[in-house]
Structures are given as structure tokens and as C-alpha cells.
Amino acid sequence: AIVFGYAAVASDRLRPVGRAEWAAVAIA
């Protein structure tokens, strides 16, 4: 949850898009 809050500030995207990105977060 803390890193998600950091990602909201530091990155330009908060949600995976497409099958490949969802697969990447699932595998990780």
C-alpha cells in the first residue's frame, strides 16, 4: 500500500493495461 502511494506520485501510470502487463504483475 505504501509503495502504491509512492507510485501514484512518482510514475505516470497506476494500472496495468493489456494481457502482457497483467501477466507481468501476476507472475511477479
PDB file of all heavy atoms in Angstrom:
ATOM      1  N   ALA A   1       0.830  -1.203   0.000  1.00  0.00           N
ATOM      2  CA  ALA A   1       0.000   0.000   0.000  1.00  0.00           C
ATOM      3  C   ALA A   1       0.866   1.255   0.000  1.00  0.00           C
ATOM      4  O   ALA A   1       0.556   2.243  -0.677  1.00  0.00           O
ATOM      5  CB  ALA A   1      -0.915  -0.017   1.221  1.00  0.00           C
ATOM      6  N   ILE A   2       1.969   1.221   0.753  1.00  0.00           N
ATOM      7  CA  ILE A   2       2.876   2.378   0.796  1.00  0.00           C
ATOM      8  C   ILE A   2       3.536   2.591  -0.564  1.00  0.00           C
ATOM      9  O   ILE A   2       3.606   3.726  -1.071  1.00  0.00           O
ATOM     10  CB  ILE A   2       3.936   2.179   1.893  1.00  0.00           C
ATOM     11  CG1 ILE A   2       3.272   2.163   3.273  1.00  0.00           C
ATOM     12  CG2 ILE A   2       5.001   3.284   1.827  1.00  0.00           C
ATOM     13  CD1 ILE A   2       4.204   1.770   4.405  1.00  0.00           C
ATOM     14  N   VAL A   3       4.029   1.519  -1.172  1.00  0.00           N
ATOM     15  CA  VAL A   3       4.684   1.633  -2.478  1.00  0.00           C
ATOM     16  C   VAL A   3       3.669   2.055  -3.544  1.00  0.00           C
ATOM     17  O   VAL A   3       4.003   2.811  -4.467  1.00  0.00           O
ATOM     18  CB  VAL A   3       5.369   0.301  -2.859  1.00  0.00           C
ATOM     19  CG1 VAL A   3       5.926   0.354  -4.280  1.00  0.00           C
ATOM     20  CG2 VAL A   3       6.497  -0.013  -1.877  1.00  0.00           C
ATOM     21  N   PHE A   4       2.415   1.621  -3.400  1.00  0.00           N
ATOM     22  CA  PHE A   4       1.372   2.042  -4.346  1.00  0.00           C
ATOM     23  C   PHE A   4       1.162   3.553  -4.257  1.00  0.00           C
ATOM     24  O   PHE A   4       1.012   4.233  -5.287  1.00  0.00           O
ATOM     25  CB  PHE A   4       0.065   1.313  -4.040  1.00  0.00           C
ATOM     26  CG  PHE A   4      -0.951   1.397  -5.137  1.00  0.00           C
ATOM     27  CD1 PHE A   4      -0.922   0.511  -6.204  1.00  0.00           C
ATOM     28  CD2 PHE A   4      -1.947   2.354  -5.113  1.00  0.00           C
ATOM     29  CE1 PHE A   4      -1.855   0.586  -7.222  1.00  0.00           C
ATOM     30  CE2 PHE A   4      -2.888   2.450  -6.121  1.00  0.00           C
ATOM     31  CZ  PHE A   4      -2.842   1.561  -7.179  1.00  0.00           C
ATOM     32  N   GLY A   5       1.181   4.081  -3.030  1.00  0.00           N
ATOM     33  CA  GLY A   5       1.073   5.524  -2.860  1.00  0.00           C
ATOM     34  C   GLY A   5       2.251   6.250  -3.480  1.00  0.00           C
ATOM     35  O   GLY A   5       2.086   7.309  -4.114  1.00  0.00           O
ATOM     36  N   TYR A   6       3.450   5.663  -3.334  1.00  0.00           N
ATOM     37  CA  TYR A   6       4.638   6.259  -3.950  1.00  0.00           C
ATOM     38  C   TYR A   6       4.532   6.231  -5.467  1.00  0.00           C
ATOM     39  O   TYR A   6       4.865   7.216  -6.149  1.00  0.00           O
ATOM     40  CB  TYR A   6       5.880   5.487  -3.500  1.00  0.00           C
ATOM     41  CG  TYR A   6       7.153   5.894  -4.195  1.00  0.00           C
ATOM     42  CD1 TYR A   6       7.824   7.054  -3.841  1.00  0.00           C
ATOM     43  CD2 TYR A   6       7.686   5.102  -5.215  1.00  0.00           C
ATOM     44  CE1 TYR A   6       8.993   7.429  -4.482  1.00  0.00           C
ATOM     45  CE2 TYR A   6       8.852   5.464  -5.859  1.00  0.00           C
ATOM     46  CZ  TYR A   6       9.508   6.622  -5.479  1.00  0.00           C
ATOM     47  OH  TYR A   6      10.665   6.999  -6.126  1.00  0.00           O
ATOM     48  N   ALA A   7       4.020   5.126  -6.016  1.00  0.00           N
ATOM     49  CA  ALA A   7       3.864   5.011  -7.470  1.00  0.00           C
ATOM     50  C   ALA A   7       2.893   6.050  -8.006  1.00  0.00           C
ATOM     51  O   ALA A   7       3.055   6.563  -9.123  1.00  0.00           O
ATOM     52  CB  ALA A   7       3.388   3.602  -7.837  1.00  0.00           C
ATOM     53  N   ALA A   8       1.879   6.395  -7.199  1.00  0.00           N
ATOM     54  CA  ALA A   8       0.907   7.400  -7.626  1.00  0.00           C
ATOM     55  C   ALA A   8       1.563   8.756  -7.828  1.00  0.00           C
ATOM     56  O   ALA A   8       1.128   9.555  -8.666  1.00  0.00           O
ATOM     57  CB  ALA A   8      -0.206   7.511  -6.584  1.00  0.00           C
ATOM     58  N   VAL A   9       2.635   9.014  -7.070  1.00  0.00           N
ATOM     59  CA  VAL A   9       3.340  10.288  -7.164  1.00  0.00           C
ATOM     60  C   VAL A   9       4.486  10.220  -8.177  1.00  0.00           C
ATOM     61  O   VAL A   9       4.712  11.172  -8.944  1.00  0.00           O
ATOM     62  CB  VAL A   9       3.898  10.704  -5.784  1.00  0.00           C
ATOM     63  CG1 VAL A   9       4.729  11.978  -5.885  1.00  0.00           C
ATOM     64  CG2 VAL A   9       2.764  10.874  -4.790  1.00  0.00           C
ATOM     65  N   ALA A  10       5.199   9.087  -8.204  1.00  0.00           N
ATOM     66  CA  ALA A  10       6.447   9.001  -8.970  1.00  0.00           C
ATOM     67  C   ALA A  10       6.284   8.510 -10.397  1.00  0.00           C
ATOM     68  O   ALA A  10       7.189   8.698 -11.218  1.00  0.00           O
ATOM     69  CB  ALA A  10       7.434   8.098  -8.234  1.00  0.00           C
ATOM     70  N   SER A  11       5.178   7.861 -10.723  1.00  0.00           N
ATOM     71  CA  SER A  11       5.028   7.297 -12.065  1.00  0.00           C
ATOM     72  C   SER A  11       3.822   7.893 -12.773  1.00  0.00           C
ATOM     73  O   SER A  11       2.990   8.562 -12.156  1.00  0.00           O
ATOM     74  CB  SER A  11       4.891   5.771 -11.994  1.00  0.00           C
ATOM     75  OG  SER A  11       3.680   5.416 -11.354  1.00  0.00           O
ATOM     76  N   ASP A  12       3.726   7.633 -14.063  1.00  0.00           N
ATOM     77  CA  ASP A  12       2.633   8.206 -14.850  1.00  0.00           C
ATOM     78  C   ASP A  12       1.477   7.232 -15.057  1.00  0.00           C
ATOM     79  O   ASP A  12       0.500   7.556 -15.725  1.00  0.00           O
ATOM     80  CB  ASP A  12       3.155   8.673 -16.212  1.00  0.00           C
ATOM     81  CG  ASP A  12       3.810   7.535 -16.996  1.00  0.00           C
ATOM     82  OD1 ASP A  12       3.895   6.415 -16.451  1.00  0.00           O
ATOM     83  OD2 ASP A  12       4.236   7.767 -18.135  1.00  0.00           O
ATOM     84  N   ARG A  13       1.592   6.007 -14.489  1.00  0.00           N
ATOM     85  CA  ARG A  13       0.519   5.023 -14.654  1.00  0.00           C
ATOM     86  C   ARG A  13       0.379   4.198 -13.386  1.00  0.00           C
ATOM     87  O   ARG A  13       1.355   3.742 -12.803  1.00  0.00           O
ATOM     88  CB  ARG A  13       0.818   4.099 -15.830  1.00  0.00           C
ATOM     89  CG  ARG A  13       0.165   4.565 -17.105  1.00  0.00           C
ATOM     90  CD  ARG A  13      -0.133   3.437 -18.052  1.00  0.00           C
ATOM     91  NE  ARG A  13       1.071   2.747 -18.489  1.00  0.00           N
ATOM     92  CZ  ARG A  13       1.135   1.443 -18.676  1.00  0.00           C
ATOM     93  NH1 ARG A  13       0.090   0.685 -18.430  1.00  0.00           N
ATOM     94  NH2 ARG A  13       2.240   0.896 -19.100  1.00  0.00           N
ATOM     95  N   LEU A  14      -0.861   3.976 -12.943  1.00  0.00           N
ATOM     96  CA  LEU A  14      -1.116   3.213 -11.726  1.00  0.00           C
ATOM     97  C   LEU A  14      -1.783   1.874 -11.992  1.00  0.00           C
ATOM     98  O   LEU A  14      -2.004   1.119 -11.058  1.00  0.00           O
ATOM     99  CB  LEU A  14      -2.010   4.018 -10.771  1.00  0.00           C
ATOM    100  CG  LEU A  14      -1.313   4.982  -9.821  1.00  0.00           C
ATOM    101  CD1 LEU A  14      -2.322   5.674  -8.946  1.00  0.00           C
ATOM    102  CD2 LEU A  14      -0.286   4.247  -8.975  1.00  0.00           C
ATOM    103  N   ARG A  15      -2.082   1.585 -13.248  1.00  0.00           N
ATOM    104  CA  ARG A  15      -2.838   0.365 -13.551  1.00  0.00           C
ATOM    105  C   ARG A  15      -2.247  -0.333 -14.769  1.00  0.00           C
ATOM    106  O   ARG A  15      -1.972   0.307 -15.780  1.00  0.00           O
ATOM    107  CB  ARG A  15      -4.302   0.728 -13.826  1.00  0.00           C
ATOM    108  CG  ARG A  15      -5.229  -0.455 -14.041  1.00  0.00           C
ATOM    109  CD  ARG A  15      -6.670   0.039 -14.195  1.00  0.00           C
ATOM    110  NE  ARG A  15      -7.575  -1.066 -14.461  1.00  0.00           N
ATOM    111  CZ  ARG A  15      -7.824  -1.579 -15.663  1.00  0.00           C
ATOM    112  NH1 ARG A  15      -7.212  -1.058 -16.723  1.00  0.00           N
ATOM    113  NH2 ARG A  15      -8.661  -2.584 -15.811  1.00  0.00           N
ATOM    114  N   PRO A  16      -2.033  -1.648 -14.660  1.00  0.00           N
ATOM    115  CA  PRO A  16      -1.573  -2.394 -15.844  1.00  0.00           C
ATOM    116  C   PRO A  16      -2.609  -2.329 -16.963  1.00  0.00           C
ATOM    117  O   PRO A  16      -3.811  -2.268 -16.709  1.00  0.00           O
ATOM    118  CB  PRO A  16      -1.434  -3.833 -15.318  1.00  0.00           C
ATOM    119  CG  PRO A  16      -1.348  -3.704 -13.833  1.00  0.00           C
ATOM    120  CD  PRO A  16      -2.181  -2.515 -13.478  1.00  0.00           C
ATOM    121  N   VAL A  17      -2.126  -2.352 -18.182  1.00  0.00           N
ATOM    122  CA  VAL A  17      -3.001  -2.311 -19.357  1.00  0.00           C
ATOM    123  C   VAL A  17      -2.624  -3.480 -20.271  1.00  0.00           C
ATOM    124  O   VAL A  17      -1.454  -3.663 -20.603  1.00  0.00           O
ATOM    125  CB  VAL A  17      -2.858  -0.979 -20.117  1.00  0.00           C
ATOM    126  CG1 VAL A  17      -3.688  -0.998 -21.397  1.00  0.00           C
ATOM    127  CG2 VAL A  17      -3.276   0.196 -19.234  1.00  0.00           C
ATOM    128  N   GLY A  18      -3.586  -4.248 -20.667  1.00  0.00           N
ATOM    129  CA  GLY A  18      -3.318  -5.341 -21.598  1.00  0.00           C
ATOM    130  C   GLY A  18      -2.903  -6.619 -20.887  1.00  0.00           C
ATOM    131  O   GLY A  18      -2.522  -6.643 -19.718  1.00  0.00           O
ATOM    132  N   ARG A  19      -2.980  -7.708 -21.652  1.00  0.00           N
ATOM    133  CA  ARG A  19      -2.707  -9.027 -21.101  1.00  0.00           C
ATOM    134  C   ARG A  19      -1.266  -9.182 -20.619  1.00  0.00           C
ATOM    135  O   ARG A  19      -1.008  -9.779 -19.575  1.00  0.00           O
ATOM    136  CB  ARG A  19      -3.013 -10.084 -22.170  1.00  0.00           C
ATOM    137  CG  ARG A  19      -2.920 -11.517 -21.685  1.00  0.00           C
ATOM    138  CD  ARG A  19      -3.332 -12.485 -22.779  1.00  0.00           C
ATOM    139  NE  ARG A  19      -4.720 -12.239 -23.197  1.00  0.00           N
ATOM    140  CZ  ARG A  19      -5.291 -12.878 -24.208  1.00  0.00           C
ATOM    141  NH1 ARG A  19      -4.605 -13.775 -24.907  1.00  0.00           N
ATOM    142  NH2 ARG A  19      -6.545 -12.625 -24.520  1.00  0.00           N
ATOM    143  N   ALA A  20      -0.310  -8.623 -21.363  1.00  0.00           N
ATOM    144  CA  ALA A  20       1.103  -8.784 -21.009  1.00  0.00           C
ATOM    145  C   ALA A  20       1.419  -8.114 -19.666  1.00  0.00           C
ATOM    146  O   ALA A  20       2.135  -8.686 -18.833  1.00  0.00           O
ATOM    147  CB  ALA A  20       1.996  -8.210 -22.107  1.00  0.00           C
ATOM    148  N   GLU A  21       0.898  -6.917 -19.440  1.00  0.00           N
ATOM    149  CA  GLU A  21       1.194  -6.214 -18.199  1.00  0.00           C
ATOM    150  C   GLU A  21       0.512  -6.875 -17.003  1.00  0.00           C
ATOM    151  O   GLU A  21       1.100  -6.966 -15.919  1.00  0.00           O
ATOM    152  CB  GLU A  21       0.796  -4.744 -18.317  1.00  0.00           C
ATOM    153  CG  GLU A  21       1.696  -3.975 -19.278  1.00  0.00           C
ATOM    154  CD  GLU A  21       1.432  -2.488 -19.293  1.00  0.00           C
ATOM    155  OE1 GLU A  21       0.464  -2.043 -18.640  1.00  0.00           O
ATOM    156  OE2 GLU A  21       2.183  -1.764 -19.955  1.00  0.00           O
ATOM    157  N   TRP A  22      -0.716  -7.334 -17.196  1.00  0.00           N
ATOM    158  CA  TRP A  22      -1.374  -8.060 -16.106  1.00  0.00           C
ATOM    159  C   TRP A  22      -0.655  -9.379 -15.817  1.00  0.00           C
ATOM    160  O   TRP A  22      -0.538  -9.795 -14.646  1.00  0.00           O
ATOM    161  CB  TRP A  22      -2.847  -8.311 -16.446  1.00  0.00           C
ATOM    162  CG  TRP A  22      -3.724  -7.130 -16.198  1.00  0.00           C
ATOM    163  CD1 TRP A  22      -4.343  -6.339 -17.113  1.00  0.00           C
ATOM    164  CD2 TRP A  22      -4.071  -6.579 -14.920  1.00  0.00           C
ATOM    165  NE1 TRP A  22      -5.050  -5.334 -16.504  1.00  0.00           N
ATOM    166  CE2 TRP A  22      -4.907  -5.456 -15.154  1.00  0.00           C
ATOM    167  CE3 TRP A  22      -3.766  -6.922 -13.604  1.00  0.00           C
ATOM    168  CZ2 TRP A  22      -5.437  -4.683 -14.114  1.00  0.00           C
ATOM    169  CZ3 TRP A  22      -4.291  -6.155 -12.567  1.00  0.00           C
ATOM    170  CH2 TRP A  22      -5.114  -5.049 -12.825  1.00  0.00           C
ATOM    171  N   ALA A  23      -0.166 -10.030 -16.859  1.00  0.00           N
ATOM    172  CA  ALA A  23       0.609 -11.260 -16.652  1.00  0.00           C
ATOM    173  C   ALA A  23       1.891 -10.966 -15.882  1.00  0.00           C
ATOM    174  O   ALA A  23       2.296 -11.732 -15.002  1.00  0.00           O
ATOM    175  CB  ALA A  23       0.928 -11.909 -17.993  1.00  0.00           C
ATOM    176  N   ALA A  24       2.542  -9.838 -16.194  1.00  0.00           N
ATOM    177  CA  ALA A  24       3.787  -9.470 -15.516  1.00  0.00           C
ATOM    178  C   ALA A  24       3.571  -9.253 -14.025  1.00  0.00           C
ATOM    179  O   ALA A  24       4.335  -9.760 -13.194  1.00  0.00           O
ATOM    180  CB  ALA A  24       4.379  -8.213 -16.162  1.00  0.00           C
ATOM    181  N   VAL A  25       2.515  -8.500 -13.655  1.00  0.00           N
ATOM    182  CA  VAL A  25       2.284  -8.256 -12.227  1.00  0.00           C
ATOM    183  C   VAL A  25       1.839  -9.531 -11.520  1.00  0.00           C
ATOM    184  O   VAL A  25       2.171  -9.754 -10.349  1.00  0.00           O
ATOM    185  CB  VAL A  25       1.282  -7.099 -11.997  1.00  0.00           C
ATOM    186  CG1 VAL A  25       1.817  -5.801 -12.572  1.00  0.00           C
ATOM    187  CG2 VAL A  25      -0.093  -7.415 -12.568  1.00  0.00           C
ATOM    188  N   ALA A  26       1.097 -10.395 -12.231  1.00  0.00           N
ATOM    189  CA  ALA A  26       0.666 -11.655 -11.618  1.00  0.00           C
ATOM    190  C   ALA A  26       1.844 -12.573 -11.358  1.00  0.00           C
ATOM    191  O   ALA A  26       1.970 -13.165 -10.274  1.00  0.00           O
ATOM    192  CB  ALA A  26      -0.364 -12.345 -12.518  1.00  0.00           C
ATOM    193  N   ILE A  27       2.739 -12.708 -12.353  1.00  0.00           N
ATOM    194  CA  ILE A  27       3.920 -13.564 -12.177  1.00  0.00           C
ATOM    195  C   ILE A  27       4.811 -13.025 -11.066  1.00  0.00           C
ATOM    196  O   ILE A  27       5.277 -13.766 -10.197  1.00  0.00           O
ATOM    197  CB  ILE A  27       4.706 -13.678 -13.499  1.00  0.00           C
ATOM    198  CG1 ILE A  27       3.905 -14.493 -14.516  1.00  0.00           C
ATOM    199  CG2 ILE A  27       6.078 -14.318 -13.268  1.00  0.00           C
ATOM    200  CD1 ILE A  27       4.483 -14.461 -15.918  1.00  0.00           C
ATOM    201  N   ALA A  28       5.056 -11.703 -11.072  1.00  0.00           N
ATOM    202  CA  ALA A  28       5.886 -11.113 -10.025  1.00  0.00           C
ATOM    203  C   ALA A  28       5.236 -11.291  -8.656  1.00  0.00           C
ATOM    204  O   ALA A  28       5.917 -11.603  -7.671  1.00  0.00           O
ATOM    205  CB  ALA A  28       6.119  -9.632 -10.315  1.00  0.00           C
TER     206      ALA A  28
END
